[in-house]
Amino acid sequence: MRKLSSLLVFAMFALISTATFAQEEVKKETETVVKAVQDKVEIQLSELPEAVTKTLAESFADYTAEKAYKTTKEGKEVYIVKLSKEGEKIKVFVDAEGTVIEKKELNDSQSKLG
């Protein structure tokens, strides 16, 4: 009987510690996602730095700028600009010096999100 009691106590501690660990993991992931969303701020297209607008005019002349966002990535200012052309939508990531960091094609569900 004593072994059974000891086994039950051990099992309860194992379950409690596992449940606590799982809750911490979910909380950390949620905090990361919330922080990523909060760090992106919508700005007016007129607020884009001259280097960014020059890059957009030269490299994406066929596109129309719809929205712009400002964020920080690895300690540097990054501008995210949504562009469209004849039903095609893209998101361009440009640093403050006008260098294109990344270009992503957007599908309909992504283009409705910020």
PDB file of N, CA and C in Angstrom:
ATOM      1  N   MET A   1       0.825  -1.188   0.000  1.00  0.00           N
ATOM      2  CA  MET A   1       0.000   0.000   0.000  1.00  0.00           C
ATOM      3  C   MET A   1       0.874   1.259   0.000  1.00  0.00           C
ATOM      4  N   ARG A   2       1.984   1.186   0.725  1.00  0.00           N
ATOM      5  CA  ARG A   2       2.868   2.335   0.825  1.00  0.00           C
ATOM      6  C   ARG A   2       3.492   2.646  -0.543  1.00  0.00           C
ATOM      7  N   LYS A   3       3.846   1.605  -1.288  1.00  0.00           N
ATOM      8  CA  LYS A   3       4.414   1.800  -2.615  1.00  0.00           C
ATOM      9  C   LYS A   3       3.401   2.449  -3.548  1.00  0.00           C
ATOM     10  N   LEU A   4       2.153   2.038  -3.430  1.00  0.00           N
ATOM     11  CA  LEU A   4       1.096   2.607  -4.256  1.00  0.00           C
ATOM     12  C   LEU A   4       0.919   4.086  -3.953  1.00  0.00           C
ATOM     13  N   SER A   5       0.929   4.463  -2.690  1.00  0.00           N
ATOM     14  CA  SER A   5       0.801   5.867  -2.290  1.00  0.00           C
ATOM     15  C   SER A   5       1.967   6.682  -2.830  1.00  0.00           C
ATOM     16  N   SER A   6       3.154   6.147  -2.711  1.00  0.00           N
ATOM     17  CA  SER A   6       4.340   6.843  -3.211  1.00  0.00           C
ATOM     18  C   SER A   6       4.261   7.011  -4.723  1.00  0.00           C
ATOM     19  N   LEU A   7       3.805   5.994  -5.402  1.00  0.00           N
ATOM     20  CA  LEU A   7       3.672   6.045  -6.846  1.00  0.00           C
ATOM     21  C   LEU A   7       2.646   7.095  -7.266  1.00  0.00           C
ATOM     22  N   LEU A   8       1.526   7.171  -6.567  1.00  0.00           N
ATOM     23  CA  LEU A   8       0.499   8.170  -6.868  1.00  0.00           C
ATOM     24  C   LEU A   8       1.022   9.581  -6.645  1.00  0.00           C
ATOM     25  N   VAL A   9       1.735   9.804  -5.557  1.00  0.00           N
ATOM     26  CA  VAL A   9       2.301  11.127  -5.277  1.00  0.00           C
ATOM     27  C   VAL A   9       3.285  11.508  -6.382  1.00  0.00           C
ATOM     28  N   PHE A  10       4.142  10.595  -6.775  1.00  0.00           N
ATOM     29  CA  PHE A  10       5.105  10.859  -7.838  1.00  0.00           C
ATOM     30  C   PHE A  10       4.391  11.196  -9.151  1.00  0.00           C
ATOM     31  N   ALA A  11       3.354  10.443  -9.483  1.00  0.00           N
ATOM     32  CA  ALA A  11       2.588  10.677 -10.711  1.00  0.00           C
ATOM     33  C   ALA A  11       1.930  12.047 -10.687  1.00  0.00           C
ATOM     34  N   MET A  12       1.413  12.458  -9.548  1.00  0.00           N
ATOM     35  CA  MET A  12       0.763  13.772  -9.438  1.00  0.00           C
ATOM     36  C   MET A  12       1.780  14.891  -9.656  1.00  0.00           C
ATOM     37  N   PHE A  13       2.964  14.769  -9.057  1.00  0.00           N
ATOM     38  CA  PHE A  13       4.000  15.776  -9.263  1.00  0.00           C
ATOM     39  C   PHE A  13       4.407  15.856 -10.730  1.00  0.00           C
ATOM     40  N   ALA A  14       4.515  14.722 -11.371  1.00  0.00           N
ATOM     41  CA  ALA A  14       4.886  14.687 -12.784  1.00  0.00           C
ATOM     42  C   ALA A  14       3.834  15.385 -13.640  1.00  0.00           C
ATOM     43  N   LEU A  15       2.571  15.128 -13.374  1.00  0.00           N
ATOM     44  CA  LEU A  15       1.489  15.764 -14.132  1.00  0.00           C
ATOM     45  C   LEU A  15       1.443  17.261 -13.893  1.00  0.00           C
ATOM     46  N   ILE A  16       1.586  17.681 -12.661  1.00  0.00           N
ATOM     47  CA  ILE A  16       1.532  19.106 -12.332  1.00  0.00           C
ATOM     48  C   ILE A  16       2.685  19.846 -12.995  1.00  0.00           C
ATOM     49  N   SER A  17       3.877  19.307 -12.924  1.00  0.00           N
ATOM     50  CA  SER A  17       5.024  19.987 -13.528  1.00  0.00           C
ATOM     51  C   SER A  17       4.902  20.033 -15.043  1.00  0.00           C
ATOM     52  N   THR A  18       4.375  18.997 -15.666  1.00  0.00           N
ATOM     53  CA  THR A  18       4.174  18.987 -17.112  1.00  0.00           C
ATOM     54  C   THR A  18       3.128  20.014 -17.513  1.00  0.00           C
ATOM     55  N   ALA A  19       2.047  20.103 -16.787  1.00  0.00           N
ATOM     56  CA  ALA A  19       0.992  21.074 -17.094  1.00  0.00           C
ATOM     57  C   ALA A  19       1.517  22.495 -16.942  1.00  0.00           C
ATOM     58  N   THR A  20       2.295  22.758 -15.921  1.00  0.00           N
ATOM     59  CA  THR A  20       2.860  24.087 -15.710  1.00  0.00           C
ATOM     60  C   THR A  20       3.803  24.445 -16.845  1.00  0.00           C
ATOM     61  N   PHE A  21       4.648  23.525 -17.253  1.00  0.00           N
ATOM     62  CA  PHE A  21       5.584  23.763 -18.344  1.00  0.00           C
ATOM     63  C   PHE A  21       4.841  24.074 -19.638  1.00  0.00           C
ATOM     64  N   ALA A  22       3.780  23.348 -19.927  1.00  0.00           N
ATOM     65  CA  ALA A  22       2.994  23.568 -21.142  1.00  0.00           C
ATOM     66  C   ALA A  22       2.373  24.955 -21.134  1.00  0.00           C
ATOM     67  N   GLN A  23       1.887  25.410 -19.996  1.00  0.00           N
ATOM     68  CA  GLN A  23       1.293  26.739 -19.904  1.00  0.00           C
ATOM     69  C   GLN A  23       2.341  27.814 -20.146  1.00  0.00           C
ATOM     70  N   GLU A  24       3.548  27.630 -19.639  1.00  0.00           N
ATOM     71  CA  GLU A  24       4.609  28.605 -19.851  1.00  0.00           C
ATOM     72  C   GLU A  24       4.971  28.706 -21.320  1.00  0.00           C
ATOM     73  N   GLU A  25       5.025  27.587 -22.034  1.00  0.00           N
ATOM     74  CA  GLU A  25       5.350  27.590 -23.452  1.00  0.00           C
ATOM     75  C   GLU A  25       4.315  28.379 -24.248  1.00  0.00           C
ATOM     76  N   VAL A  26       3.041  28.159 -23.993  1.00  0.00           N
ATOM     77  CA  VAL A  26       1.970  28.867 -24.695  1.00  0.00           C
ATOM     78  C   VAL A  26       2.062  30.353 -24.407  1.00  0.00           C
ATOM     79  N   LYS A  27       2.304  30.724 -23.174  1.00  0.00           N
ATOM     80  CA  LYS A  27       2.391  32.130 -22.792  1.00  0.00           C
ATOM     81  C   LYS A  27       3.548  32.813 -23.517  1.00  0.00           C
ATOM     82  N   LYS A  28       4.714  32.170 -23.594  1.00  0.00           N
ATOM     83  CA  LYS A  28       5.863  32.760 -24.272  1.00  0.00           C
ATOM     84  C   LYS A  28       5.577  32.957 -25.749  1.00  0.00           C
ATOM     85  N   GLU A  29       4.956  31.981 -26.385  1.00  0.00           N
ATOM     86  CA  GLU A  29       4.642  32.081 -27.806  1.00  0.00           C
ATOM     87  C   GLU A  29       3.653  33.210 -28.053  1.00  0.00           C
ATOM     88  N   THR A  30       2.650  33.340 -27.203  1.00  0.00           N
ATOM     89  CA  THR A  30       1.665  34.410 -27.330  1.00  0.00           C
ATOM     90  C   THR A  30       2.327  35.766 -27.174  1.00  0.00           C
ATOM     91  N   GLU A  31       3.213  35.911 -26.207  1.00  0.00           N
ATOM     92  CA  GLU A  31       3.901  37.182 -25.998  1.00  0.00           C
ATOM     93  C   GLU A  31       4.728  37.558 -27.218  1.00  0.00           C
ATOM     94  N   THR A  32       5.381  36.596 -27.840  1.00  0.00           N
ATOM     95  CA  THR A  32       6.191  36.857 -29.018  1.00  0.00           C
ATOM     96  C   THR A  32       5.329  37.340 -30.173  1.00  0.00           C
ATOM     97  N   VAL A  33       4.211  36.699 -30.412  1.00  0.00           N
ATOM     98  CA  VAL A  33       3.314  37.090 -31.495  1.00  0.00           C
ATOM     99  C   VAL A  33       2.749  38.479 -31.242  1.00  0.00           C
ATOM    100  N   VAL A  34       2.308  38.754 -30.034  1.00  0.00           N
ATOM    101  CA  VAL A  34       1.748  40.067 -29.702  1.00  0.00           C
ATOM    102  C   VAL A  34       2.801  41.141 -29.891  1.00  0.00           C
ATOM    103  N   LYS A  35       4.024  40.902 -29.452  1.00  0.00           N
ATOM    104  CA  LYS A  35       5.086  41.883 -29.596  1.00  0.00           C
ATOM    105  C   LYS A  35       5.358  42.166 -31.066  1.00  0.00           C
ATOM    106  N   ALA A  36       5.384  41.129 -31.889  1.00  0.00           N
ATOM    107  CA  ALA A  36       5.639  41.305 -33.315  1.00  0.00           C
ATOM    108  C   ALA A  36       4.566  42.164 -33.958  1.00  0.00           C
ATOM    109  N   VAL A  37       3.328  41.975 -33.565  1.00  0.00           N
ATOM    110  CA  VAL A  37       2.231  42.755 -34.126  1.00  0.00           C
ATOM    111  C   VAL A  37       2.275  44.188 -33.612  1.00  0.00           C
ATOM    112  N   GLN A  38       2.584  44.394 -32.349  1.00  0.00           N
ATOM    113  CA  GLN A  38       2.596  45.726 -31.767  1.00  0.00           C
ATOM    114  C   GLN A  38       3.741  46.579 -32.303  1.00  0.00           C
ATOM    115  N   ASP A  39       4.828  45.973 -32.723  1.00  0.00           N
ATOM    116  CA  ASP A  39       5.982  46.722 -33.189  1.00  0.00           C
ATOM    117  C   ASP A  39       5.774  47.344 -34.565  1.00  0.00           C
ATOM    118  N   LYS A  40       4.778  46.915 -35.298  1.00  0.00           N
ATOM    119  CA  LYS A  40       4.504  47.427 -36.642  1.00  0.00           C
ATOM    120  C   LYS A  40       3.474  48.547 -36.531  1.00  0.00           C
ATOM    121  N   VAL A  41       3.850  49.748 -36.993  1.00  0.00           N
ATOM    122  CA  VAL A  41       2.966  50.906 -36.893  1.00  0.00           C
ATOM    123  C   VAL A  41       2.657  51.421 -38.297  1.00  0.00           C
ATOM    124  N   GLU A  42       1.379  51.597 -38.583  1.00  0.00           N
ATOM    125  CA  GLU A  42       1.004  52.123 -39.893  1.00  0.00           C
ATOM    126  C   GLU A  42       1.382  53.596 -39.975  1.00  0.00           C
ATOM    127  N   ILE A  43       1.953  53.988 -41.113  1.00  0.00           N
ATOM    128  CA  ILE A  43       2.326  55.382 -41.342  1.00  0.00           C
ATOM    129  C   ILE A  43       1.738  55.837 -42.676  1.00  0.00           C
ATOM    130  N   GLN A  44       1.723  57.137 -42.885  1.00  0.00           N
ATOM    131  CA  GLN A  44       1.274  57.695 -44.158  1.00  0.00           C
ATOM    132  C   GLN A  44       2.358  57.443 -45.208  1.00  0.00           C
ATOM    133  N   LEU A  45       1.964  57.260 -46.436  1.00  0.00           N
ATOM    134  CA  LEU A  45       2.940  57.056 -47.510  1.00  0.00           C
ATOM    135  C   LEU A  45       3.888  58.248 -47.612  1.00  0.00           C
ATOM    136  N   SER A  46       3.385  59.432 -47.307  1.00  0.00           N
ATOM    137  CA  SER A  46       4.212  60.640 -47.361  1.00  0.00           C
ATOM    138  C   SER A  46       5.298  60.660 -46.282  1.00  0.00           C
ATOM    139  N   GLU A  47       5.184  59.795 -45.277  1.00  0.00           N
ATOM    140  CA  GLU A  47       6.173  59.726 -44.200  1.00  0.00           C
ATOM    141  C   GLU A  47       7.344  58.806 -44.526  1.00  0.00           C
ATOM    142  N   LEU A  48       7.289  58.122 -45.655  1.00  0.00           N
ATOM    143  CA  LEU A  48       8.392  57.238 -46.042  1.00  0.00           C
ATOM    144  C   LEU A  48       9.640  58.070 -46.343  1.00  0.00           C
ATOM    145  N   PRO A  49      10.808  57.599 -45.940  1.00  0.00           N
ATOM    146  CA  PRO A  49      12.049  58.317 -46.246  1.00  0.00           C
ATOM    147  C   PRO A  49      12.268  58.425 -47.753  1.00  0.00           C
ATOM    148  N   GLU A  50      12.989  59.442 -48.156  1.00  0.00           N
ATOM    149  CA  GLU A  50      13.238  59.683 -49.574  1.00  0.00           C
ATOM    150  C   GLU A  50      13.914  58.483 -50.242  1.00  0.00           C
ATOM    151  N   ALA A  51      14.838  57.850 -49.553  1.00  0.00           N
ATOM    152  CA  ALA A  51      15.533  56.687 -50.126  1.00  0.00           C
ATOM    153  C   ALA A  51      14.558  55.543 -50.411  1.00  0.00           C
ATOM    154  N   VAL A  52      13.568  55.378 -49.547  1.00  0.00           N
ATOM    155  CA  VAL A  52      12.571  54.318 -49.736  1.00  0.00           C
ATOM    156  C   VAL A  52      11.680  54.647 -50.930  1.00  0.00           C
ATOM    157  N   THR A  53      11.197  55.876 -51.007  1.00  0.00           N
ATOM    158  CA  THR A  53      10.331  56.257 -52.132  1.00  0.00           C
ATOM    159  C   THR A  53      11.094  56.179 -53.459  1.00  0.00           C
ATOM    160  N   LYS A  54      12.375  56.512 -53.438  1.00  0.00           N
ATOM    161  CA  LYS A  54      13.188  56.423 -54.657  1.00  0.00           C
ATOM    162  C   LYS A  54      13.309  54.965 -55.112  1.00  0.00           C
ATOM    163  N   THR A  55      13.558  54.065 -54.173  1.00  0.00           N
ATOM    164  CA  THR A  55      13.650  52.637 -54.503  1.00  0.00           C
ATOM    165  C   THR A  55      12.332  52.118 -55.063  1.00  0.00           C
ATOM    166  N   LEU A  56      11.237  52.508 -54.433  1.00  0.00           N
ATOM    167  CA  LEU A  56       9.921  52.070 -54.911  1.00  0.00           C
ATOM    168  C   LEU A  56       9.659  52.592 -56.319  1.00  0.00           C
ATOM    169  N   ALA A  57      10.003  53.854 -56.573  1.00  0.00           N
ATOM    170  CA  ALA A  57       9.778  54.452 -57.889  1.00  0.00           C
ATOM    171  C   ALA A  57      10.630  53.778 -58.966  1.00  0.00           C
ATOM    172  N   GLU A  58      11.855  53.406 -58.609  1.00  0.00           N
ATOM    173  CA  GLU A  58      12.756  52.799 -59.587  1.00  0.00           C
ATOM    174  C   GLU A  58      12.495  51.300 -59.791  1.00  0.00           C
ATOM    175  N   SER A  59      12.301  50.576 -58.707  1.00  0.00           N
ATOM    176  CA  SER A  59      12.196  49.117 -58.797  1.00  0.00           C
ATOM    177  C   SER A  59      10.774  48.591 -58.930  1.00  0.00           C
ATOM    178  N   PHE A  60       9.803  49.397 -58.525  1.00  0.00           N
ATOM    179  CA  PHE A  60       8.407  48.952 -58.542  1.00  0.00           C
ATOM    180  C   PHE A  60       7.520  50.018 -59.197  1.00  0.00           C
ATOM    181  N   ALA A  61       7.997  50.583 -60.299  1.00  0.00           N
ATOM    182  CA  ALA A  61       7.301  51.684 -60.965  1.00  0.00           C
ATOM    183  C   ALA A  61       5.905  51.298 -61.448  1.00  0.00           C
ATOM    184  N   ASP A  62       5.689  50.037 -61.792  1.00  0.00           N
ATOM    185  CA  ASP A  62       4.390  49.586 -62.298  1.00  0.00           C
ATOM    186  C   ASP A  62       3.362  49.381 -61.196  1.00  0.00           C
ATOM    187  N   TYR A  63       3.786  49.452 -59.949  1.00  0.00           N
ATOM    188  CA  TYR A  63       2.909  49.188 -58.805  1.00  0.00           C
ATOM    189  C   TYR A  63       2.408  50.487 -58.186  1.00  0.00           C
ATOM    190  N   THR A  64       1.273  50.377 -57.504  1.00  0.00           N
ATOM    191  CA  THR A  64       0.706  51.491 -56.747  1.00  0.00           C
ATOM    192  C   THR A  64       0.833  51.172 -55.265  1.00  0.00           C
ATOM    193  N   ALA A  65       1.381  52.114 -54.514  1.00  0.00           N
ATOM    194  CA  ALA A  65       1.524  51.920 -53.069  1.00  0.00           C
ATOM    195  C   ALA A  65       0.170  52.095 -52.401  1.00  0.00           C
ATOM    196  N   GLU A  66      -0.202  51.148 -51.541  1.00  0.00           N
ATOM    197  CA  GLU A  66      -1.485  51.197 -50.846  1.00  0.00           C
ATOM    198  C   GLU A  66      -1.337  51.581 -49.377  1.00  0.00           C
ATOM    199  N   LYS A  67      -0.423  50.922 -48.688  1.00  0.00           N
ATOM    200  CA  LYS A  67      -0.221  51.167 -47.259  1.00  0.00           C
ATOM    201  C   LYS A  67       1.258  51.062 -46.944  1.00  0.00           C
ATOM    202  N   ALA A  68       1.641  51.716 -45.840  1.00  0.00           N
ATOM    203  CA  ALA A  68       3.029  51.636 -45.387  1.00  0.00           C
ATOM    204  C   ALA A  68       3.059  51.455 -43.876  1.00  0.00           C
ATOM    205  N   TYR A  69       4.050  50.723 -43.432  1.00  0.00           N
ATOM    206  CA  TYR A  69       4.238  50.457 -42.003  1.00  0.00           C
ATOM    207  C   TYR A  69       5.704  50.675 -41.663  1.00  0.00           C
ATOM    208  N   LYS A  70       5.936  51.055 -40.422  1.00  0.00           N
ATOM    209  CA  LYS A  70       7.300  51.230 -39.926  1.00  0.00           C
ATOM    210  C   LYS A  70       7.510  50.248 -38.782  1.00  0.00           C
ATOM    211  N   THR A  71       8.654  49.586 -38.779  1.00  0.00           N
ATOM    212  CA  THR A  71       8.973  48.628 -37.728  1.00  0.00           C
ATOM    213  C   THR A  71      10.478  48.632 -37.498  1.00  0.00           C
ATOM    214  N   THR A  72      10.908  47.853 -36.547  1.00  0.00           N
ATOM    215  CA  THR A  72      12.335  47.705 -36.270  1.00  0.00           C
ATOM    216  C   THR A  72      12.688  46.233 -36.387  1.00  0.00           C
ATOM    217  N   LYS A  73      13.753  45.957 -37.119  1.00  0.00           N
ATOM    218  CA  LYS A  73      14.209  44.580 -37.294  1.00  0.00           C
ATOM    219  C   LYS A  73      15.715  44.564 -37.056  1.00  0.00           C
ATOM    220  N   GLU A  74      16.124  43.806 -36.056  1.00  0.00           N
ATOM    221  CA  GLU A  74      17.533  43.699 -35.689  1.00  0.00           C
ATOM    222  C   GLU A  74      18.150  45.072 -35.426  1.00  0.00           C
ATOM    223  N   GLY A  75      17.387  45.946 -34.778  1.00  0.00           N
ATOM    224  CA  GLY A  75      17.878  47.264 -34.400  1.00  0.00           C
ATOM    225  C   GLY A  75      17.853  48.304 -35.508  1.00  0.00           C
ATOM    226  N   LYS A  76      17.361  47.965 -36.679  1.00  0.00           N
ATOM    227  CA  LYS A  76      17.311  48.905 -37.807  1.00  0.00           C
ATOM    228  C   LYS A  76      15.864  49.213 -38.166  1.00  0.00           C
ATOM    229  N   GLU A  77      15.640  50.448 -38.616  1.00  0.00           N
ATOM    230  CA  GLU A  77      14.306  50.818 -39.087  1.00  0.00           C
ATOM    231  C   GLU A  77      14.034  50.108 -40.406  1.00  0.00           C
ATOM    232  N   VAL A  78      12.849  49.520 -40.494  1.00  0.00           N
ATOM    233  CA  VAL A  78      12.433  48.837 -41.716  1.00  0.00           C
ATOM    234  C   VAL A  78      11.038  49.326 -42.072  1.00  0.00           C
ATOM    235  N   TYR A  79      10.827  49.558 -43.355  1.00  0.00           N
ATOM    236  CA  TYR A  79       9.531  50.009 -43.841  1.00  0.00           C
ATOM    237  C   TYR A  79       8.909  48.887 -44.660  1.00  0.00           C
ATOM    238  N   ILE A  80       7.644  48.610 -44.372  1.00  0.00           N
ATOM    239  CA  ILE A  80       6.902  47.579 -45.087  1.00  0.00           C
ATOM    240  C   ILE A  80       5.863  48.307 -45.927  1.00  0.00           C
ATOM    241  N   VAL A  81       5.907  48.099 -47.222  1.00  0.00           N
ATOM    242  CA  VAL A  81       4.992  48.803 -48.118  1.00  0.00           C
ATOM    243  C   VAL A  81       4.194  47.776 -48.910  1.00  0.00           C
ATOM    244  N   LYS A  82       2.868  47.931 -48.865  1.00  0.00           N
ATOM    245  CA  LYS A  82       1.983  47.076 -49.662  1.00  0.00           C
ATOM    246  C   LYS A  82       1.790  47.742 -51.013  1.00  0.00           C
ATOM    247  N   LEU A  83       2.040  46.971 -52.061  1.00  0.00           N
ATOM    248  CA  LEU A  83       1.916  47.472 -53.423  1.00  0.00           C
ATOM    249  C   LEU A  83       0.953  46.592 -54.205  1.00  0.00           C
ATOM    250  N   SER A  84       0.307  47.189 -55.219  1.00  0.00           N
ATOM    251  CA  SER A  84      -0.592  46.398 -56.061  1.00  0.00           C
ATOM    252  C   SER A  84      -0.433  46.801 -57.525  1.00  0.00           C
ATOM    253  N   LYS A  85      -0.727  45.828 -58.393  1.00  0.00           N
ATOM    254  CA  LYS A  85      -0.679  46.061 -59.837  1.00  0.00           C
ATOM    255  C   LYS A  85      -1.606  45.053 -60.489  1.00  0.00           C
ATOM    256  N   GLU A  86      -2.665  45.510 -61.113  1.00  0.00           N
ATOM    257  CA  GLU A  86      -3.587  44.658 -61.863  1.00  0.00           C
ATOM    258  C   GLU A  86      -3.972  43.394 -61.098  1.00  0.00           C
ATOM    259  N   GLY A  87      -4.405  43.549 -59.871  1.00  0.00           N
ATOM    260  CA  GLY A  87      -4.848  42.426 -59.061  1.00  0.00           C
ATOM    261  C   GLY A  87      -3.742  41.687 -58.327  1.00  0.00           C
ATOM    262  N   GLU A  88      -2.507  41.939 -58.685  1.00  0.00           N
ATOM    263  CA  GLU A  88      -1.364  41.323 -57.995  1.00  0.00           C
ATOM    264  C   GLU A  88      -0.978  42.213 -56.818  1.00  0.00           C
ATOM    265  N   LYS A  89      -0.796  41.600 -55.656  1.00  0.00           N
ATOM    266  CA  LYS A  89      -0.425  42.365 -54.470  1.00  0.00           C
ATOM    267  C   LYS A  89       0.863  41.804 -53.893  1.00  0.00           C
ATOM    268  N   ILE A  90       1.761  42.716 -53.523  1.00  0.00           N
ATOM    269  CA  ILE A  90       3.020  42.311 -52.905  1.00  0.00           C
ATOM    270  C   ILE A  90       3.286  43.174 -51.678  1.00  0.00           C
ATOM    271  N   LYS A  91       4.156  42.666 -50.839  1.00  0.00           N
ATOM    272  CA  LYS A  91       4.602  43.400 -49.660  1.00  0.00           C
ATOM    273  C   LYS A  91       6.117  43.481 -49.776  1.00  0.00           C
ATOM    274  N   VAL A  92       6.660  44.708 -49.714  1.00  0.00           N
ATOM    275  CA  VAL A  92       8.090  44.920 -49.865  1.00  0.00           C
ATOM    276  C   VAL A  92       8.658  45.458 -48.554  1.00  0.00           C
ATOM    277  N   PHE A  93       9.753  44.864 -48.096  1.00  0.00           N
ATOM    278  CA  PHE A  93      10.448  45.301 -46.891  1.00  0.00           C
ATOM    279  C   PHE A  93      11.689  46.068 -47.337  1.00  0.00           C
ATOM    280  N   VAL A  94      11.786  47.338 -46.936  1.00  0.00           N
ATOM    281  CA  VAL A  94      12.883  48.198 -47.366  1.00  0.00           C
ATOM    282  C   VAL A  94      13.493  48.867 -46.136  1.00  0.00           C
ATOM    283  N   ASP A  95      14.833  48.904 -46.064  1.00  0.00           N
ATOM    284  CA  ASP A  95      15.449  49.591 -44.925  1.00  0.00           C
ATOM    285  C   ASP A  95      15.478  51.097 -45.185  1.00  0.00           C
ATOM    286  N   ALA A  96      15.889  51.871 -44.205  1.00  0.00           N
ATOM    287  CA  ALA A  96      15.852  53.333 -44.295  1.00  0.00           C
ATOM    288  C   ALA A  96      16.764  53.875 -45.389  1.00  0.00           C
ATOM    289  N   GLU A  97      17.765  53.092 -45.802  1.00  0.00           N
ATOM    290  CA  GLU A  97      18.676  53.516 -46.869  1.00  0.00           C
ATOM    291  C   GLU A  97      18.134  53.184 -48.256  1.00  0.00           C
ATOM    292  N   GLY A  98      16.994  52.510 -48.317  1.00  0.00           N
ATOM    293  CA  GLY A  98      16.374  52.184 -49.593  1.00  0.00           C
ATOM    294  C   GLY A  98      16.725  50.813 -50.144  1.00  0.00           C
ATOM    295  N   THR A  99      17.367  49.987 -49.356  1.00  0.00           N
ATOM    296  CA  THR A  99      17.725  48.640 -49.796  1.00  0.00           C
ATOM    297  C   THR A  99      16.550  47.694 -49.574  1.00  0.00           C
ATOM    298  N   VAL A 100      16.161  46.978 -50.624  1.00  0.00           N
ATOM    299  CA  VAL A 100      15.076  46.005 -50.506  1.00  0.00           C
ATOM    300  C   VAL A 100      15.606  44.796 -49.744  1.00  0.00           C
ATOM    301  N   ILE A 101      14.955  44.490 -48.631  1.00  0.00           N
ATOM    302  CA  ILE A 101      15.353  43.364 -47.787  1.00  0.00           C
ATOM    303  C   ILE A 101      14.617  42.099 -48.206  1.00  0.00           C
ATOM    304  N   GLU A 102      13.334  42.277 -48.509  1.00  0.00           N
ATOM    305  CA  GLU A 102      12.500  41.116 -48.823  1.00  0.00           C
ATOM    306  C   GLU A 102      11.293  41.566 -49.631  1.00  0.00           C
ATOM    307  N   LYS A 103      10.808  40.666 -50.482  1.00  0.00           N
ATOM    308  CA  LYS A 103       9.595  40.910 -51.267  1.00  0.00           C
ATOM    309  C   LYS A 103       8.727  39.671 -51.142  1.00  0.00           C
ATOM    310  N   LYS A 104       7.464  39.865 -50.763  1.00  0.00           N
ATOM    311  CA  LYS A 104       6.539  38.741 -50.609  1.00  0.00           C
ATOM    312  C   LYS A 104       5.306  38.974 -51.463  1.00  0.00           C
ATOM    313  N   GLU A 105       4.883  37.920 -52.155  1.00  0.00           N
ATOM    314  CA  GLU A 105       3.612  37.978 -52.865  1.00  0.00           C
ATOM    315  C   GLU A 105       2.513  37.683 -51.863  1.00  0.00           C
ATOM    316  N   LEU A 106       1.421  38.410 -51.969  1.00  0.00           N
ATOM    317  CA  LEU A 106       0.303  38.231 -51.045  1.00  0.00           C
ATOM    318  C   LEU A 106      -0.872  37.594 -51.764  1.00  0.00           C
ATOM    319  N   ASN A 107      -1.549  36.679 -51.066  1.00  0.00           N
ATOM    320  CA  ASN A 107      -2.800  36.162 -51.602  1.00  0.00           C
ATOM    321  C   ASN A 107      -3.924  37.023 -51.042  1.00  0.00           C
ATOM    322  N   ASP A 108      -5.161  36.759 -51.418  1.00  0.00           N
ATOM    323  CA  ASP A 108      -6.280  37.608 -51.015  1.00  0.00           C
ATOM    324  C   ASP A 108      -6.440  37.718 -49.506  1.00  0.00           C
ATOM    325  N   SER A 109      -6.300  36.630 -48.771  1.00  0.00           N
ATOM    326  CA  SER A 109      -6.492  36.685 -47.321  1.00  0.00           C
ATOM    327  C   SER A 109      -5.371  37.468 -46.651  1.00  0.00           C
ATOM    328  N   GLN A 110      -4.144  37.397 -47.174  1.00  0.00           N
ATOM    329  CA  GLN A 110      -3.035  38.144 -46.598  1.00  0.00           C
ATOM    330  C   GLN A 110      -3.137  39.626 -46.909  1.00  0.00           C
ATOM    331  N   SER A 111      -3.662  39.983 -48.061  1.00  0.00           N
ATOM    332  CA  SER A 111      -3.719  41.384 -48.434  1.00  0.00           C
ATOM    333  C   SER A 111      -4.729  42.160 -47.600  1.00  0.00           C
ATOM    334  N   LYS A 112      -5.683  41.465 -46.985  1.00  0.00           N
ATOM    335  CA  LYS A 112      -6.661  42.136 -46.132  1.00  0.00           C
ATOM    336  C   LYS A 112      -6.119  42.380 -44.734  1.00  0.00           C
ATOM    337  N   LEU A 113      -5.081  41.637 -44.362  1.00  0.00           N
ATOM    338  CA  LEU A 113      -4.452  41.813 -43.058  1.00  0.00           C
ATOM    339  C   LEU A 113      -3.416  42.916 -43.150  1.00  0.00           C
ATOM    340  N   GLY A 114      -3.096  43.532 -41.990  1.00  0.00           N
ATOM    341  CA  GLY A 114      -2.104  44.605 -41.945  1.00  0.00           C
ATOM    342  C   GLY A 114      -0.715  44.196 -42.214  1.00  0.00           C
TER     343      GLY A 114
END
